[in-house]
Amino acid sequence: KADMDIDCDGRPSARCNRTTDPWFQ
């Protein structure tokens, strides 16, 4: 039982990329 941080890593998309996510991998 914990918090939830958002993982946006993986294949880039309109919602998950280096612009939307400063931690993006």
PDB file of all heavy atoms in Angstrom:
ATOM      1  N   LYS A   1       0.862  -1.177   0.000  1.00  0.00           N
ATOM      2  CA  LYS A   1       0.000   0.000   0.000  1.00  0.00           C
ATOM      3  C   LYS A   1       0.900   1.229   0.000  1.00  0.00           C
ATOM      4  O   LYS A   1       1.726   1.396   0.895  1.00  0.00           O
ATOM      5  CB  LYS A   1      -0.918  -0.016   1.223  1.00  0.00           C
ATOM      6  CG  LYS A   1      -1.797  -1.277   1.257  1.00  0.00           C
ATOM      7  CD  LYS A   1      -2.666  -1.352   2.499  1.00  0.00           C
ATOM      8  CE  LYS A   1      -3.479  -2.642   2.512  1.00  0.00           C
ATOM      9  NZ  LYS A   1      -4.383  -2.730   3.685  1.00  0.00           N
ATOM     10  N   ALA A   2       0.732   2.063  -1.020  1.00  0.00           N
ATOM     11  CA  ALA A   2       1.690   3.146  -1.235  1.00  0.00           C
ATOM     12  C   ALA A   2       1.032   4.311  -1.961  1.00  0.00           C
ATOM     13  O   ALA A   2      -0.197   4.403  -2.051  1.00  0.00           O
ATOM     14  CB  ALA A   2       2.880   2.607  -2.035  1.00  0.00           C
ATOM     15  N   ASP A   3       1.872   5.187  -2.478  1.00  0.00           N
ATOM     16  CA  ASP A   3       1.435   6.288  -3.324  1.00  0.00           C
ATOM     17  C   ASP A   3       1.392   5.802  -4.766  1.00  0.00           C
ATOM     18  O   ASP A   3       1.574   4.607  -5.036  1.00  0.00           O
ATOM     19  CB  ASP A   3       2.397   7.475  -3.178  1.00  0.00           C
ATOM     20  CG  ASP A   3       3.814   7.144  -3.687  1.00  0.00           C
ATOM     21  OD1 ASP A   3       4.157   5.928  -3.780  1.00  0.00           O
ATOM     22  OD2 ASP A   3       4.554   8.075  -4.004  1.00  0.00           O
ATOM     23  N   MET A   4       1.168   6.710  -5.701  1.00  0.00           N
ATOM     24  CA  MET A   4       1.363   6.383  -7.106  1.00  0.00           C
ATOM     25  C   MET A   4       2.080   7.536  -7.801  1.00  0.00           C
ATOM     26  O   MET A   4       1.536   8.631  -7.925  1.00  0.00           O
ATOM     27  CB  MET A   4       0.056   6.092  -7.843  1.00  0.00           C
ATOM     28  CG  MET A   4       0.302   5.711  -9.321  1.00  0.00           C
ATOM     29  SD  MET A   4      -1.183   5.394 -10.293  1.00  0.00           S
ATOM     30  CE  MET A   4      -1.641   3.766  -9.650  1.00  0.00           C
ATOM     31  N   ASP A   5       3.315   7.274  -8.211  1.00  0.00           N
ATOM     32  CA  ASP A   5       4.012   8.156  -9.135  1.00  0.00           C
ATOM     33  C   ASP A   5       3.683   7.680 -10.543  1.00  0.00           C
ATOM     34  O   ASP A   5       3.326   6.512 -10.752  1.00  0.00           O
ATOM     35  CB  ASP A   5       5.518   8.109  -8.893  1.00  0.00           C
ATOM     36  CG  ASP A   5       5.908   8.790  -7.586  1.00  0.00           C
ATOM     37  OD1 ASP A   5       5.181   9.711  -7.157  1.00  0.00           O
ATOM     38  OD2 ASP A   5       6.938   8.406  -7.002  1.00  0.00           O
ATOM     39  N   ILE A   6       3.819   8.571 -11.508  1.00  0.00           N
ATOM     40  CA  ILE A   6       3.428   8.258 -12.883  1.00  0.00           C
ATOM     41  C   ILE A   6       4.650   7.905 -13.719  1.00  0.00           C
ATOM     42  O   ILE A   6       5.575   8.701 -13.861  1.00  0.00           O
ATOM     43  CB  ILE A   6       2.689   9.444 -13.536  1.00  0.00           C
ATOM     44  CG1 ILE A   6       1.528   9.913 -12.641  1.00  0.00           C
ATOM     45  CG2 ILE A   6       2.188   9.058 -14.922  1.00  0.00           C
ATOM     46  CD1 ILE A   6       0.501   8.854 -12.311  1.00  0.00           C
ATOM     47  N   ASP A   7       4.641   6.693 -14.269  1.00  0.00           N
ATOM     48  CA  ASP A   7       5.688   6.239 -15.179  1.00  0.00           C
ATOM     49  C   ASP A   7       5.241   6.576 -16.604  1.00  0.00           C
ATOM     50  O   ASP A   7       4.217   6.077 -17.070  1.00  0.00           O
ATOM     51  CB  ASP A   7       5.891   4.732 -15.030  1.00  0.00           C
ATOM     52  CG  ASP A   7       7.081   4.219 -15.839  1.00  0.00           C
ATOM     53  OD1 ASP A   7       7.529   4.927 -16.749  1.00  0.00           O
ATOM     54  OD2 ASP A   7       7.538   3.100 -15.565  1.00  0.00           O
ATOM     55  N   CYS A   8       6.000   7.429 -17.274  1.00  0.00           N
ATOM     56  CA  CYS A   8       5.706   7.806 -18.663  1.00  0.00           C
ATOM     57  C   CYS A   8       6.800   7.304 -19.597  1.00  0.00           C
ATOM     58  O   CYS A   8       6.924   7.767 -20.736  1.00  0.00           O
ATOM     59  CB  CYS A   8       5.567   9.327 -18.774  1.00  0.00           C
ATOM     60  SG  CYS A   8       4.059   9.872 -19.628  1.00  0.00           S
ATOM     61  N   ASP A   9       7.614   6.361 -19.122  1.00  0.00           N
ATOM     62  CA  ASP A   9       8.735   5.864 -19.916  1.00  0.00           C
ATOM     63  C   ASP A   9       8.264   4.912 -21.012  1.00  0.00           C
ATOM     64  O   ASP A   9       7.118   4.468 -21.041  1.00  0.00           O
ATOM     65  CB  ASP A   9       9.742   5.146 -19.019  1.00  0.00           C
ATOM     66  CG  ASP A   9      10.428   6.094 -18.052  1.00  0.00           C
ATOM     67  OD1 ASP A   9      10.427   7.311 -18.319  1.00  0.00           O
ATOM     68  OD2 ASP A   9      10.957   5.625 -17.026  1.00  0.00           O
ATOM     69  N   GLY A  10       9.197   4.584 -21.894  1.00  0.00           N
ATOM     70  CA  GLY A  10       8.912   3.629 -22.949  1.00  0.00           C
ATOM     71  C   GLY A  10       8.742   4.304 -24.288  1.00  0.00           C
ATOM     72  O   GLY A  10       9.336   5.351 -24.563  1.00  0.00           O
ATOM     73  N   ARG A  11       7.920   3.682 -25.134  1.00  0.00           N
ATOM     74  CA  ARG A  11       7.741   4.207 -26.484  1.00  0.00           C
ATOM     75  C   ARG A  11       7.133   5.608 -26.452  1.00  0.00           C
ATOM     76  O   ARG A  11       6.091   5.815 -25.826  1.00  0.00           O
ATOM     77  CB  ARG A  11       6.833   3.257 -27.269  1.00  0.00           C
ATOM     78  CG  ARG A  11       6.885   3.455 -28.764  1.00  0.00           C
ATOM     79  CD  ARG A  11       6.333   2.250 -29.506  1.00  0.00           C
ATOM     80  NE  ARG A  11       4.892   2.160 -29.445  1.00  0.00           N
ATOM     81  CZ  ARG A  11       4.245   1.220 -28.756  1.00  0.00           C
ATOM     82  NH1 ARG A  11       4.917   0.313 -28.065  1.00  0.00           N
ATOM     83  NH2 ARG A  11       2.936   1.184 -28.759  1.00  0.00           N
ATOM     84  N   PRO A  12       7.767   6.584 -27.074  1.00  0.00           N
ATOM     85  CA  PRO A  12       7.247   7.950 -27.021  1.00  0.00           C
ATOM     86  C   PRO A  12       5.856   8.067 -27.635  1.00  0.00           C
ATOM     87  O   PRO A  12       5.505   7.352 -28.575  1.00  0.00           O
ATOM     88  CB  PRO A  12       8.275   8.749 -27.836  1.00  0.00           C
ATOM     89  CG  PRO A  12       9.505   7.911 -27.836  1.00  0.00           C
ATOM     90  CD  PRO A  12       9.033   6.487 -27.813  1.00  0.00           C
ATOM     91  N   SER A  13       5.069   8.987 -27.084  1.00  0.00           N
ATOM     92  CA  SER A  13       3.723   9.249 -27.587  1.00  0.00           C
ATOM     93  C   SER A  13       3.413  10.719 -27.353  1.00  0.00           C
ATOM     94  O   SER A  13       4.226  11.460 -26.788  1.00  0.00           O
ATOM     95  CB  SER A  13       2.703   8.374 -26.846  1.00  0.00           C
ATOM     96  OG  SER A  13       2.622   8.773 -25.483  1.00  0.00           O
ATOM     97  N   ALA A  14       2.221  11.143 -27.748  1.00  0.00           N
ATOM     98  CA  ALA A  14       1.832  12.537 -27.540  1.00  0.00           C
ATOM     99  C   ALA A  14       1.777  12.886 -26.062  1.00  0.00           C
ATOM    100  O   ALA A  14       1.986  14.042 -25.681  1.00  0.00           O
ATOM    101  CB  ALA A  14       0.476  12.793 -28.195  1.00  0.00           C
ATOM    102  N   ARG A  15       1.513  11.906 -25.217  1.00  0.00           N
ATOM    103  CA  ARG A  15       1.373  12.165 -23.785  1.00  0.00           C
ATOM    104  C   ARG A  15       2.636  11.850 -22.991  1.00  0.00           C
ATOM    105  O   ARG A  15       2.791  12.341 -21.875  1.00  0.00           O
ATOM    106  CB  ARG A  15       0.193  11.360 -23.232  1.00  0.00           C
ATOM    107  CG  ARG A  15      -1.114  11.760 -23.898  1.00  0.00           C
ATOM    108  CD  ARG A  15      -2.297  10.989 -23.343  1.00  0.00           C
ATOM    109  NE  ARG A  15      -3.501  11.403 -24.038  1.00  0.00           N
ATOM    110  CZ  ARG A  15      -3.961  10.850 -25.155  1.00  0.00           C
ATOM    111  NH1 ARG A  15      -3.320   9.836 -25.693  1.00  0.00           N
ATOM    112  NH2 ARG A  15      -5.061  11.284 -25.728  1.00  0.00           N
ATOM    113  N   CYS A  16       3.495  11.019 -23.522  1.00  0.00           N
ATOM    114  CA  CYS A  16       4.722  10.633 -22.826  1.00  0.00           C
ATOM    115  C   CYS A  16       5.922  10.850 -23.743  1.00  0.00           C
ATOM    116  O   CYS A  16       6.156  10.062 -24.668  1.00  0.00           O
ATOM    117  CB  CYS A  16       4.651   9.171 -22.394  1.00  0.00           C
ATOM    118  SG  CYS A  16       3.442   8.827 -21.099  1.00  0.00           S
ATOM    119  N   ASN A  17       6.659  11.918 -23.478  1.00  0.00           N
ATOM    120  CA  ASN A  17       7.826  12.245 -24.289  1.00  0.00           C
ATOM    121  C   ASN A  17       8.708  13.198 -23.490  1.00  0.00           C
ATOM    122  O   ASN A  17       8.388  13.547 -22.345  1.00  0.00           O
ATOM    123  CB  ASN A  17       7.405  12.840 -25.633  1.00  0.00           C
ATOM    124  CG  ASN A  17       6.502  14.047 -25.463  1.00  0.00           C
ATOM    125  OD1 ASN A  17       6.922  15.076 -24.920  1.00  0.00           O
ATOM    126  ND2 ASN A  17       5.253  13.948 -25.911  1.00  0.00           N
ATOM    127  N   ARG A  18       9.802  13.627 -24.066  1.00  0.00           N
ATOM    128  CA  ARG A  18      10.751  14.476 -23.340  1.00  0.00           C
ATOM    129  C   ARG A  18      10.200  15.858 -23.034  1.00  0.00           C
ATOM    130  O   ARG A  18      10.691  16.537 -22.121  1.00  0.00           O
ATOM    131  CB  ARG A  18      12.056  14.600 -24.141  1.00  0.00           C
ATOM    132  CG  ARG A  18      12.789  13.276 -24.285  1.00  0.00           C
ATOM    133  CD  ARG A  18      14.168  13.463 -24.886  1.00  0.00           C
ATOM    134  NE  ARG A  18      14.777  12.181 -25.205  1.00  0.00           N
ATOM    135  CZ  ARG A  18      15.360  11.383 -24.325  1.00  0.00           C
ATOM    136  NH1 ARG A  18      15.413  11.736 -23.049  1.00  0.00           N
ATOM    137  NH2 ARG A  18      15.885  10.229 -24.700  1.00  0.00           N
ATOM    138  N   THR A  19       9.164  16.288 -23.755  1.00  0.00           N
ATOM    139  CA  THR A  19       8.552  17.585 -23.485  1.00  0.00           C
ATOM    140  C   THR A  19       7.576  17.503 -22.320  1.00  0.00           C
ATOM    141  O   THR A  19       7.550  18.376 -21.451  1.00  0.00           O
ATOM    142  CB  THR A  19       7.820  18.107 -24.736  1.00  0.00           C
ATOM    143  OG1 THR A  19       8.761  18.271 -25.794  1.00  0.00           O
ATOM    144  CG2 THR A  19       7.148  19.449 -24.450  1.00  0.00           C
ATOM    145  N   THR A  20       6.777  16.448 -22.280  1.00  0.00           N
ATOM    146  CA  THR A  20       5.769  16.320 -21.233  1.00  0.00           C
ATOM    147  C   THR A  20       6.335  15.790 -19.920  1.00  0.00           C
ATOM    148  O   THR A  20       5.726  15.971 -18.866  1.00  0.00           O
ATOM    149  CB  THR A  20       4.631  15.380 -21.683  1.00  0.00           C
ATOM    150  OG1 THR A  20       5.170  14.065 -21.913  1.00  0.00           O
ATOM    151  CG2 THR A  20       3.968  15.896 -22.947  1.00  0.00           C
ATOM    152  N   ASP A  21       7.499  15.121 -19.993  1.00  0.00           N
ATOM    153  CA  ASP A  21       8.046  14.443 -18.818  1.00  0.00           C
ATOM    154  C   ASP A  21       9.547  14.707 -18.692  1.00  0.00           C
ATOM    155  O   ASP A  21      10.344  14.183 -19.476  1.00  0.00           O
ATOM    156  CB  ASP A  21       7.790  12.941 -18.939  1.00  0.00           C
ATOM    157  CG  ASP A  21       8.330  12.145 -17.763  1.00  0.00           C
ATOM    158  OD1 ASP A  21       8.816  12.756 -16.789  1.00  0.00           O
ATOM    159  OD2 ASP A  21       8.260  10.910 -17.813  1.00  0.00           O
ATOM    160  N   PRO A  22       9.972  15.517 -17.709  1.00  0.00           N
ATOM    161  CA  PRO A  22      11.405  15.816 -17.559  1.00  0.00           C
ATOM    162  C   PRO A  22      12.248  14.609 -17.173  1.00  0.00           C
ATOM    163  O   PRO A  22      13.475  14.648 -17.277  1.00  0.00           O
ATOM    164  CB  PRO A  22      11.432  16.884 -16.466  1.00  0.00           C
ATOM    165  CG  PRO A  22      10.159  16.710 -15.712  1.00  0.00           C
ATOM    166  CD  PRO A  22       9.152  16.231 -16.713  1.00  0.00           C
ATOM    167  N   TRP A  23      11.607  13.507 -16.722  1.00  0.00           N
ATOM    168  CA  TRP A  23      12.335  12.296 -16.349  1.00  0.00           C
ATOM    169  C   TRP A  23      12.257  11.223 -17.437  1.00  0.00           C
ATOM    170  O   TRP A  23      12.634  10.081 -17.215  1.00  0.00           O
ATOM    171  CB  TRP A  23      11.781  11.724 -15.052  1.00  0.00           C
ATOM    172  CG  TRP A  23      11.821  12.665 -13.893  1.00  0.00           C
ATOM    173  CD1 TRP A  23      12.886  12.947 -13.080  1.00  0.00           C
ATOM    174  CD2 TRP A  23      10.742  13.478 -13.424  1.00  0.00           C
ATOM    175  NE1 TRP A  23      12.529  13.865 -12.134  1.00  0.00           N
ATOM    176  CE2 TRP A  23      11.224  14.222 -12.307  1.00  0.00           C
ATOM    177  CE3 TRP A  23       9.415  13.656 -13.814  1.00  0.00           C
ATOM    178  CZ2 TRP A  23      10.427  15.116 -11.592  1.00  0.00           C
ATOM    179  CZ3 TRP A  23       8.617  14.555 -13.111  1.00  0.00           C
ATOM    180  CH2 TRP A  23       9.132  15.271 -12.012  1.00  0.00           C
ATOM    181  N   PHE A  24      11.720  11.566 -18.593  1.00  0.00           N
ATOM    182  CA  PHE A  24      11.407  10.570 -19.622  1.00  0.00           C
ATOM    183  C   PHE A  24      12.614   9.743 -20.040  1.00  0.00           C
ATOM    184  O   PHE A  24      13.701  10.261 -20.269  1.00  0.00           O
ATOM    185  CB  PHE A  24      10.829  11.267 -20.862  1.00  0.00           C
ATOM    186  CG  PHE A  24      10.506  10.321 -21.985  1.00  0.00           C
ATOM    187  CD1 PHE A  24       9.363   9.541 -21.927  1.00  0.00           C
ATOM    188  CD2 PHE A  24      11.352  10.193 -23.075  1.00  0.00           C
ATOM    189  CE1 PHE A  24       9.057   8.654 -22.956  1.00  0.00           C
ATOM    190  CE2 PHE A  24      11.062   9.314 -24.103  1.00  0.00           C
ATOM    191  CZ  PHE A  24       9.910   8.544 -24.044  1.00  0.00           C
ATOM    192  N   GLN A  25      12.387   8.426 -20.124  1.00  0.00           N
ATOM    193  CA  GLN A  25      13.373   7.491 -20.675  1.00  0.00           C
ATOM    194  C   GLN A  25      12.667   6.698 -21.773  1.00  0.00           C
ATOM    195  O   GLN A  25      11.539   6.234 -21.572  1.00  0.00           O
ATOM    196  CB  GLN A  25      13.891   6.537 -19.599  1.00  0.00           C
ATOM    197  CG  GLN A  25      14.632   7.224 -18.464  1.00  0.00           C
ATOM    198  CD  GLN A  25      15.938   7.845 -18.929  1.00  0.00           C
ATOM    199  OE1 GLN A  25      16.595   7.314 -19.818  1.00  0.00           O
ATOM    200  NE2 GLN A  25      16.311   8.975 -18.335  1.00  0.00           N
TER     201      GLN A  25
END
